[in-house]
Amino acid sequence: MARTPKNRAPSAFTKSLNRVMRERQLTLKMVAEMMEIPISTVADFTHGSTPTNLEAVGRLCQKLGLDFEEFVLGRKASSSIADIP
């Protein structure tokens, strides 16, 4: 399930998703299949809903070769879990 904000600027996730869909010419159906979620949920994401299923977002990032943190938060990963002592 996704949460839709009211009267807010689009999140980094929404901007990233819309940009990737545009650049790679992906349809809602294609993204929904990659994420293994309903098309209507992807449509909600493109209009500002916040994903609550991070595993689905992770599947999309993995299938498209995207950095999860950069895609969701709009910033490059500052460190890797492998860097943690």
Protein backbone atom coordinates (compact mmCIF):
# COMPACT_ATOMS: atom_id res chain seq x y z
CA MET A 1 0.00 0.00 0.00
CA ALA A 2 1.17 3.51 -0.74
CA ARG A 3 0.56 6.78 1.07
CA THR A 4 -0.36 9.82 -1.00
CA PRO A 5 0.83 13.18 0.35
CA LYS A 6 -1.40 16.20 -0.03
CA ASN A 7 -0.07 19.45 -1.51
CA ARG A 8 3.59 18.47 -1.27
CA ALA A 9 6.43 18.71 -3.74
CA PRO A 10 7.20 15.37 -5.43
CA SER A 11 9.59 13.16 -3.47
CA ALA A 12 12.98 12.07 -4.77
CA PHE A 13 11.43 8.64 -5.36
CA THR A 14 8.59 10.06 -7.46
CA LYS A 15 11.01 12.18 -9.49
CA SER A 16 13.37 9.24 -9.99
CA LEU A 17 10.60 6.87 -11.01
CA ASN A 18 9.10 9.30 -13.51
CA ARG A 19 12.54 10.12 -14.94
CA VAL A 20 13.54 6.47 -15.35
CA MET A 21 10.20 5.58 -16.91
CA ARG A 22 10.54 8.46 -19.37
CA GLU A 23 14.20 7.84 -20.23
CA ARG A 24 13.80 4.08 -20.66
CA GLN A 25 10.32 4.30 -22.17
CA LEU A 26 8.84 2.03 -19.52
CA THR A 27 5.09 1.67 -19.16
CA LEU A 28 3.21 1.38 -15.88
CA LYS A 29 2.60 -2.27 -16.72
CA MET A 30 6.31 -2.96 -17.29
CA VAL A 31 7.29 -1.34 -14.00
CA ALA A 32 4.49 -3.13 -12.14
CA GLU A 33 5.69 -6.47 -13.49
CA MET A 34 9.28 -5.75 -12.44
CA MET A 35 8.16 -4.68 -8.97
CA GLU A 36 5.57 -7.49 -8.73
CA ILE A 37 2.84 -5.07 -7.61
CA PRO A 38 -0.44 -3.83 -9.12
CA ILE A 39 -0.34 -1.30 -11.98
CA SER A 40 -2.56 1.02 -9.95
CA THR A 41 0.08 1.18 -7.21
CA VAL A 42 2.77 2.19 -9.71
CA ALA A 43 0.39 4.86 -11.04
CA ASP A 44 -0.01 6.13 -7.47
CA PHE A 45 3.80 6.29 -7.15
CA THR A 46 4.06 8.43 -10.29
CA HIS A 47 1.64 10.88 -8.68
CA GLY A 48 3.45 11.18 -5.37
CA SER A 49 2.53 8.19 -3.23
CA THR A 50 5.26 6.92 -0.94
CA PRO A 51 6.13 3.23 -1.28
CA THR A 52 5.77 1.14 1.85
CA ASN A 53 7.01 -2.07 0.19
CA LEU A 54 10.75 -1.46 -0.04
CA GLU A 55 11.35 -4.98 -1.30
CA ALA A 56 9.35 -4.12 -4.43
CA VAL A 57 11.42 -0.97 -4.93
CA GLY A 58 14.54 -3.05 -4.44
CA ARG A 59 13.41 -5.50 -7.15
CA LEU A 60 12.95 -2.60 -9.57
CA CYS A 61 16.37 -1.16 -8.76
CA GLN A 62 18.03 -4.55 -9.16
CA LYS A 63 16.33 -5.28 -12.49
CA LEU A 64 17.21 -1.84 -13.88
CA GLY A 65 20.72 -1.66 -12.39
CA LEU A 66 19.90 1.35 -10.23
CA ASP A 67 21.40 2.33 -6.88
CA PHE A 68 18.63 1.91 -4.29
CA GLU A 69 19.62 4.84 -2.07
CA GLU A 70 20.06 7.20 -4.99
CA PHE A 71 16.76 6.11 -6.54
CA VAL A 72 14.70 6.43 -3.36
CA LEU A 73 16.43 9.31 -1.59
CA GLY A 74 17.91 11.19 -4.51
CA ARG A 75 21.46 11.04 -3.18
CA LYS A 76 24.46 8.90 -3.89
CA ALA A 77 25.29 6.27 -1.30
CA SER A 78 27.79 7.70 1.15
CA SER A 79 29.07 4.34 2.28
CA SER A 80 28.55 0.67 1.79
CA ILE A 81 27.58 -1.84 4.43
CA ALA A 82 30.92 -3.47 3.60
CA ASP A 83 32.63 -0.28 4.84
CA ILE A 84 31.17 -0.64 8.33
CA PRO A 85 33.67 -2.22 10.76
